[in-house]
PDB file of all heavy atoms in Angstrom:
ATOM      1  N   CYS A   1       7.356   6.251 -20.431  1.00  0.00           N
ATOM      2  CA  CYS A   1       6.283   5.286 -20.263  1.00  0.00           C
ATOM      3  C   CYS A   1       4.975   6.035 -20.147  1.00  0.00           C
ATOM      4  O   CYS A   1       4.859   6.973 -19.342  1.00  0.00           O
ATOM      5  CB  CYS A   1       6.517   4.440 -19.006  1.00  0.00           C
ATOM      6  SG  CYS A   1       5.142   3.319 -18.596  1.00  0.00           S
ATOM      7  N   THR A   2       4.004   5.620 -20.913  1.00  0.00           N
ATOM      8  CA  THR A   2       2.687   6.243 -20.909  1.00  0.00           C
ATOM      9  C   THR A   2       1.624   5.228 -20.527  1.00  0.00           C
ATOM     10  O   THR A   2       1.586   4.127 -21.088  1.00  0.00           O
ATOM     11  CB  THR A   2       2.365   6.845 -22.282  1.00  0.00           C
ATOM     12  OG1 THR A   2       3.310   7.868 -22.600  1.00  0.00           O
ATOM     13  CG2 THR A   2       0.962   7.461 -22.276  1.00  0.00           C
ATOM     14  N   ALA A   3       0.792   5.593 -19.580  1.00  0.00           N
ATOM     15  CA  ALA A   3      -0.298   4.736 -19.131  1.00  0.00           C
ATOM     16  C   ALA A   3      -1.604   5.131 -19.811  1.00  0.00           C
ATOM     17  O   ALA A   3      -1.876   6.309 -20.026  1.00  0.00           O
ATOM     18  CB  ALA A   3      -0.446   4.835 -17.627  1.00  0.00           C
ATOM     19  N   SER A   4      -2.392   4.125 -20.125  1.00  0.00           N
ATOM     20  CA  SER A   4      -3.677   4.389 -20.733  1.00  0.00           C
ATOM     21  C   SER A   4      -4.636   3.241 -20.408  1.00  0.00           C
ATOM     22  O   SER A   4      -4.218   2.185 -19.927  1.00  0.00           O
ATOM     23  CB  SER A   4      -3.554   4.548 -22.258  1.00  0.00           C
ATOM     24  OG  SER A   4      -3.089   3.352 -22.854  1.00  0.00           O
ATOM     25  N   GLY A   5      -5.909   3.458 -20.673  1.00  0.00           N
ATOM     26  CA  GLY A   5      -6.906   2.431 -20.464  1.00  0.00           C
ATOM     27  C   GLY A   5      -7.800   2.715 -19.278  1.00  0.00           C
ATOM     28  O   GLY A   5      -8.265   3.822 -19.076  1.00  0.00           O
ATOM     29  N   ASN A   6      -8.021   1.694 -18.481  1.00  0.00           N
ATOM     30  CA  ASN A   6      -8.975   1.746 -17.366  1.00  0.00           C
ATOM     31  C   ASN A   6      -8.380   2.460 -16.175  1.00  0.00           C
ATOM     32  O   ASN A   6      -8.053   1.852 -15.162  1.00  0.00           O
ATOM     33  CB  ASN A   6      -9.406   0.322 -17.010  1.00  0.00           C
ATOM     34  CG  ASN A   6     -10.478   0.288 -15.941  1.00  0.00           C
ATOM     35  OD1 ASN A   6     -11.213   1.257 -15.748  1.00  0.00           O
ATOM     36  ND2 ASN A   6     -10.563  -0.825 -15.225  1.00  0.00           N
ATOM     37  N   ILE A   7      -8.232   3.756 -16.311  1.00  0.00           N
ATOM     38  CA  ILE A   7      -7.595   4.579 -15.295  1.00  0.00           C
ATOM     39  C   ILE A   7      -8.477   5.748 -14.901  1.00  0.00           C
ATOM     40  O   ILE A   7      -8.870   6.528 -15.750  1.00  0.00           O
ATOM     41  CB  ILE A   7      -6.223   5.093 -15.767  1.00  0.00           C
ATOM     42  CG1 ILE A   7      -5.307   3.951 -16.136  1.00  0.00           C
ATOM     43  CG2 ILE A   7      -5.590   5.979 -14.696  1.00  0.00           C
ATOM     44  CD1 ILE A   7      -4.018   4.394 -16.827  1.00  0.00           C
ATOM     45  N   PHE A   8      -8.707   5.849 -13.627  1.00  0.00           N
ATOM     46  CA  PHE A   8      -9.350   7.045 -13.089  1.00  0.00           C
ATOM     47  C   PHE A   8      -8.290   8.047 -12.637  1.00  0.00           C
ATOM     48  O   PHE A   8      -8.392   9.247 -12.897  1.00  0.00           O
ATOM     49  CB  PHE A   8     -10.291   6.709 -11.940  1.00  0.00           C
ATOM     50  CG  PHE A   8     -10.912   7.923 -11.295  1.00  0.00           C
ATOM     51  CD1 PHE A   8     -11.965   8.568 -11.906  1.00  0.00           C
ATOM     52  CD2 PHE A   8     -10.442   8.409 -10.092  1.00  0.00           C
ATOM     53  CE1 PHE A   8     -12.556   9.679 -11.317  1.00  0.00           C
ATOM     54  CE2 PHE A   8     -11.014   9.526  -9.487  1.00  0.00           C
ATOM     55  CZ  PHE A   8     -12.077  10.154 -10.121  1.00  0.00           C
ATOM     56  N   ASN A   9      -7.286   7.537 -11.960  1.00  0.00           N
ATOM     57  CA  ASN A   9      -6.245   8.364 -11.448  1.00  0.00           C
ATOM     58  C   ASN A   9      -4.944   7.558 -11.318  1.00  0.00           C
ATOM     59  O   ASN A   9      -4.991   6.375 -10.961  1.00  0.00           O
ATOM     60  CB  ASN A   9      -6.618   8.952 -10.091  1.00  0.00           C
ATOM     61  CG  ASN A   9      -5.598   9.928  -9.553  1.00  0.00           C
ATOM     62  OD1 ASN A   9      -5.257  10.894 -10.220  1.00  0.00           O
ATOM     63  ND2 ASN A   9      -5.108   9.674  -8.340  1.00  0.00           N
ATOM     64  N   VAL A  10      -3.854   8.195 -11.611  1.00  0.00           N
ATOM     65  CA  VAL A  10      -2.543   7.590 -11.416  1.00  0.00           C
ATOM     66  C   VAL A  10      -1.993   8.066 -10.089  1.00  0.00           C
ATOM     67  O   VAL A  10      -1.790   9.266  -9.884  1.00  0.00           O
ATOM     68  CB  VAL A  10      -1.574   7.937 -12.552  1.00  0.00           C
ATOM     69  CG1 VAL A  10      -0.200   7.350 -12.261  1.00  0.00           C
ATOM     70  CG2 VAL A  10      -2.097   7.410 -13.885  1.00  0.00           C
ATOM     71  N   ILE A  11      -1.782   7.143  -9.180  1.00  0.00           N
ATOM     72  CA  ILE A  11      -1.296   7.478  -7.860  1.00  0.00           C
ATOM     73  C   ILE A  11       0.220   7.651  -7.874  1.00  0.00           C
ATOM     74  O   ILE A  11       0.763   8.594  -7.289  1.00  0.00           O
ATOM     75  CB  ILE A  11      -1.716   6.424  -6.832  1.00  0.00           C
ATOM     76  CG1 ILE A  11      -3.253   6.340  -6.774  1.00  0.00           C
ATOM     77  CG2 ILE A  11      -1.124   6.712  -5.461  1.00  0.00           C
ATOM     78  CD1 ILE A  11      -3.757   5.143  -5.987  1.00  0.00           C
ATOM     79  N   ALA A  12       0.890   6.739  -8.531  1.00  0.00           N
ATOM     80  CA  ALA A  12       2.338   6.797  -8.614  1.00  0.00           C
ATOM     81  C   ALA A  12       2.798   6.043  -9.833  1.00  0.00           C
ATOM     82  O   ALA A  12       2.128   5.104 -10.311  1.00  0.00           O
ATOM     83  CB  ALA A  12       2.989   6.220  -7.349  1.00  0.00           C
ATOM     84  N   MET A  13       3.938   6.427 -10.329  1.00  0.00           N
ATOM     85  CA  MET A  13       4.569   5.714 -11.420  1.00  0.00           C
ATOM     86  C   MET A  13       6.059   5.559 -11.105  1.00  0.00           C
ATOM     87  O   MET A  13       6.611   6.363 -10.345  1.00  0.00           O
ATOM     88  CB  MET A  13       4.387   6.423 -12.763  1.00  0.00           C
ATOM     89  CG  MET A  13       2.940   6.563 -13.209  1.00  0.00           C
ATOM     90  SD  MET A  13       2.737   7.264 -14.862  1.00  0.00           S
ATOM     91  CE  MET A  13       3.202   5.845 -15.872  1.00  0.00           C
ATOM     92  N   GLY A  14       6.652   4.591 -11.686  1.00  0.00           N
ATOM     93  CA  GLY A  14       8.058   4.390 -11.422  1.00  0.00           C
ATOM     94  C   GLY A  14       8.703   3.416 -12.408  1.00  0.00           C
ATOM     95  O   GLY A  14       8.073   2.925 -13.346  1.00  0.00           O
ATOM     96  N   TRP A  15       9.971   3.203 -12.120  1.00  0.00           N
ATOM     97  CA  TRP A  15      10.773   2.304 -12.950  1.00  0.00           C
ATOM     98  C   TRP A  15      11.468   1.269 -12.081  1.00  0.00           C
ATOM     99  O   TRP A  15      11.980   1.586 -11.005  1.00  0.00           O
ATOM    100  CB  TRP A  15      11.842   3.090 -13.745  1.00  0.00           C
ATOM    101  CG  TRP A  15      11.268   3.979 -14.795  1.00  0.00           C
ATOM    102  CD1 TRP A  15      10.948   5.285 -14.699  1.00  0.00           C
ATOM    103  CD2 TRP A  15      10.954   3.591 -16.135  1.00  0.00           C
ATOM    104  NE1 TRP A  15      10.453   5.759 -15.893  1.00  0.00           N
ATOM    105  CE2 TRP A  15      10.445   4.729 -16.800  1.00  0.00           C
ATOM    106  CE3 TRP A  15      11.082   2.411 -16.849  1.00  0.00           C
ATOM    107  CZ2 TRP A  15      10.061   4.710 -18.132  1.00  0.00           C
ATOM    108  CZ3 TRP A  15      10.670   2.375 -18.185  1.00  0.00           C
ATOM    109  CH2 TRP A  15      10.177   3.523 -18.796  1.00  0.00           C
ATOM    110  N   TYR A  16      11.473   0.052 -12.584  1.00  0.00           N
ATOM    111  CA  TYR A  16      12.220  -1.039 -12.000  1.00  0.00           C
ATOM    112  C   TYR A  16      13.078  -1.654 -13.109  1.00  0.00           C
ATOM    113  O   TYR A  16      12.856  -1.399 -14.282  1.00  0.00           O
ATOM    114  CB  TYR A  16      11.289  -2.092 -11.409  1.00  0.00           C
ATOM    115  CG  TYR A  16      10.533  -1.618 -10.200  1.00  0.00           C
ATOM    116  CD1 TYR A  16       9.491  -0.716 -10.306  1.00  0.00           C
ATOM    117  CD2 TYR A  16      10.867  -2.063  -8.905  1.00  0.00           C
ATOM    118  CE1 TYR A  16       8.795  -0.252  -9.198  1.00  0.00           C
ATOM    119  CE2 TYR A  16      10.192  -1.636  -7.802  1.00  0.00           C
ATOM    120  CZ  TYR A  16       9.147  -0.719  -7.948  1.00  0.00           C
ATOM    121  OH  TYR A  16       8.462  -0.289  -6.838  1.00  0.00           O
ATOM    122  N   ARG A  17      14.033  -2.442 -12.698  1.00  0.00           N
ATOM    123  CA  ARG A  17      14.852  -3.102 -13.716  1.00  0.00           C
ATOM    124  C   ARG A  17      15.233  -4.505 -13.244  1.00  0.00           C
ATOM    125  O   ARG A  17      15.236  -4.790 -12.045  1.00  0.00           O
ATOM    126  CB  ARG A  17      16.111  -2.295 -14.016  1.00  0.00           C
ATOM    127  CG  ARG A  17      17.158  -2.280 -12.899  1.00  0.00           C
ATOM    128  CD  ARG A  17      18.305  -1.373 -13.259  1.00  0.00           C
ATOM    129  NE  ARG A  17      19.386  -1.456 -12.285  1.00  0.00           N
ATOM    130  CZ  ARG A  17      20.456  -0.687 -12.278  1.00  0.00           C
ATOM    131  NH1 ARG A  17      20.624   0.247 -13.237  1.00  0.00           N
ATOM    132  NH2 ARG A  17      21.399  -0.835 -11.350  1.00  0.00           N
ATOM    133  N   GLN A  18      15.544  -5.333 -14.194  1.00  0.00           N
ATOM    134  CA  GLN A  18      15.954  -6.709 -13.928  1.00  0.00           C
ATOM    135  C   GLN A  18      17.209  -7.020 -14.740  1.00  0.00           C
ATOM    136  O   GLN A  18      17.106  -7.281 -15.946  1.00  0.00           O
ATOM    137  CB  GLN A  18      14.836  -7.682 -14.237  1.00  0.00           C
ATOM    138  CG  GLN A  18      15.138  -9.102 -13.797  1.00  0.00           C
ATOM    139  CD  GLN A  18      13.893  -9.979 -13.785  1.00  0.00           C
ATOM    140  OE1 GLN A  18      12.858  -9.614 -14.318  1.00  0.00           O
ATOM    141  NE2 GLN A  18      13.989 -11.120 -13.158  1.00  0.00           N
ATOM    142  N   PRO A  19      18.361  -6.993 -14.102  1.00  0.00           N
ATOM    143  CA  PRO A  19      19.601  -7.360 -14.800  1.00  0.00           C
ATOM    144  C   PRO A  19      19.607  -8.851 -15.125  1.00  0.00           C
ATOM    145  O   PRO A  19      18.867  -9.640 -14.491  1.00  0.00           O
ATOM    146  CB  PRO A  19      20.692  -7.005 -13.791  1.00  0.00           C
ATOM    147  CG  PRO A  19      20.059  -6.078 -12.810  1.00  0.00           C
ATOM    148  CD  PRO A  19      18.630  -6.529 -12.739  1.00  0.00           C
ATOM    149  N   PRO A  20      20.417  -9.266 -16.070  1.00  0.00           N
ATOM    150  CA  PRO A  20      20.479 -10.687 -16.408  1.00  0.00           C
ATOM    151  C   PRO A  20      20.834 -11.539 -15.197  1.00  0.00           C
ATOM    152  O   PRO A  20      21.793 -11.253 -14.501  1.00  0.00           O
ATOM    153  CB  PRO A  20      21.574 -10.753 -17.464  1.00  0.00           C
ATOM    154  CG  PRO A  20      21.610  -9.373 -18.054  1.00  0.00           C
ATOM    155  CD  PRO A  20      21.293  -8.461 -16.913  1.00  0.00           C
ATOM    156  N   GLY A  21      20.031 -12.560 -14.956  1.00  0.00           N
ATOM    157  CA  GLY A  21      20.296 -13.475 -13.866  1.00  0.00           C
ATOM    158  C   GLY A  21      20.003 -12.957 -12.491  1.00  0.00           C
ATOM    159  O   GLY A  21      20.321 -13.631 -11.505  1.00  0.00           O
ATOM    160  N   LYS A  22      19.402 -11.790 -12.382  1.00  0.00           N
ATOM    161  CA  LYS A  22      19.115 -11.189 -11.079  1.00  0.00           C
ATOM    162  C   LYS A  22      17.624 -10.895 -10.922  1.00  0.00           C
ATOM    163  O   LYS A  22      16.847 -10.945 -11.890  1.00  0.00           O
ATOM    164  CB  LYS A  22      19.930  -9.915 -10.881  1.00  0.00           C
ATOM    165  CG  LYS A  22      21.428 -10.117 -10.896  1.00  0.00           C
ATOM    166  CD  LYS A  22      22.180  -8.843 -10.661  1.00  0.00           C
ATOM    167  CE  LYS A  22      23.680  -9.047 -10.653  1.00  0.00           C
ATOM    168  NZ  LYS A  22      24.395  -7.763 -10.422  1.00  0.00           N
ATOM    169  N   GLN A  23      17.245 -10.555  -9.711  1.00  0.00           N
ATOM    170  CA  GLN A  23      15.870 -10.218  -9.432  1.00  0.00           C
ATOM    171  C   GLN A  23      15.566  -8.778  -9.817  1.00  0.00           C
ATOM    172  O   GLN A  23      16.456  -7.930  -9.918  1.00  0.00           O
ATOM    173  CB  GLN A  23      15.555 -10.437  -7.953  1.00  0.00           C
ATOM    174  CG  GLN A  23      15.594 -11.889  -7.519  1.00  0.00           C
ATOM    175  CD  GLN A  23      15.214 -12.052  -6.059  1.00  0.00           C
ATOM    176  OE1 GLN A  23      15.801 -11.421  -5.177  1.00  0.00           O
ATOM    177  NE2 GLN A  23      14.232 -12.900  -5.803  1.00  0.00           N
ATOM    178  N   ARG A  24      14.293  -8.509 -10.000  1.00  0.00           N
ATOM    179  CA  ARG A  24      13.865  -7.148 -10.300  1.00  0.00           C
ATOM    180  C   ARG A  24      14.139  -6.239  -9.115  1.00  0.00           C
ATOM    181  O   ARG A  24      13.894  -6.618  -7.958  1.00  0.00           O
ATOM    182  CB  ARG A  24      12.394  -7.148 -10.666  1.00  0.00           C
ATOM    183  CG  ARG A  24      11.873  -5.841 -11.227  1.00  0.00           C
ATOM    184  CD  ARG A  24      10.438  -5.960 -11.735  1.00  0.00           C
ATOM    185  NE  ARG A  24      10.323  -6.935 -12.813  1.00  0.00           N
ATOM    186  CZ  ARG A  24       9.214  -7.191 -13.484  1.00  0.00           C
ATOM    187  NH1 ARG A  24       8.110  -6.500 -13.194  1.00  0.00           N
ATOM    188  NH2 ARG A  24       9.194  -8.109 -14.424  1.00  0.00           N
ATOM    189  N   GLU A  25      14.585  -5.034  -9.403  1.00  0.00           N
ATOM    190  CA  GLU A  25      14.936  -4.089  -8.357  1.00  0.00           C
ATOM    191  C   GLU A  25      14.391  -2.714  -8.673  1.00  0.00           C
ATOM    192  O   GLU A  25      14.140  -2.345  -9.821  1.00  0.00           O
ATOM    193  CB  GLU A  25      16.454  -4.026  -8.192  1.00  0.00           C
ATOM    194  CG  GLU A  25      17.193  -3.491  -9.410  1.00  0.00           C
ATOM    195  CD  GLU A  25      18.694  -3.491  -9.253  1.00  0.00           C
ATOM    196  OE1 GLU A  25      19.187  -3.922  -8.197  1.00  0.00           O
ATOM    197  OE2 GLU A  25      19.381  -3.071 -10.205  1.00  0.00           O
ATOM    198  N   LEU A  26      14.225  -1.942  -7.625  1.00  0.00           N
ATOM    199  CA  LEU A  26      13.750  -0.568  -7.768  1.00  0.00           C
ATOM    200  C   LEU A  26      14.790   0.303  -8.454  1.00  0.00           C
ATOM    201  O   LEU A  26      15.974   0.238  -8.154  1.00  0.00           O
ATOM    202  CB  LEU A  26      13.435   0.013  -6.380  1.00  0.00           C
ATOM    203  CG  LEU A  26      13.146   1.510  -6.326  1.00  0.00           C
ATOM    204  CD1 LEU A  26      11.787   1.813  -6.930  1.00  0.00           C
ATOM    205  CD2 LEU A  26      13.224   2.027  -4.895  1.00  0.00           C
TER     206      LEU A  26
END
């Protein structure tokens, strides 16, 4: 994953996922 645009600094990046029928999770 690459971030671009209106960014001065990236503090943190990460990944989440959402299985079918479930809530998004870390």
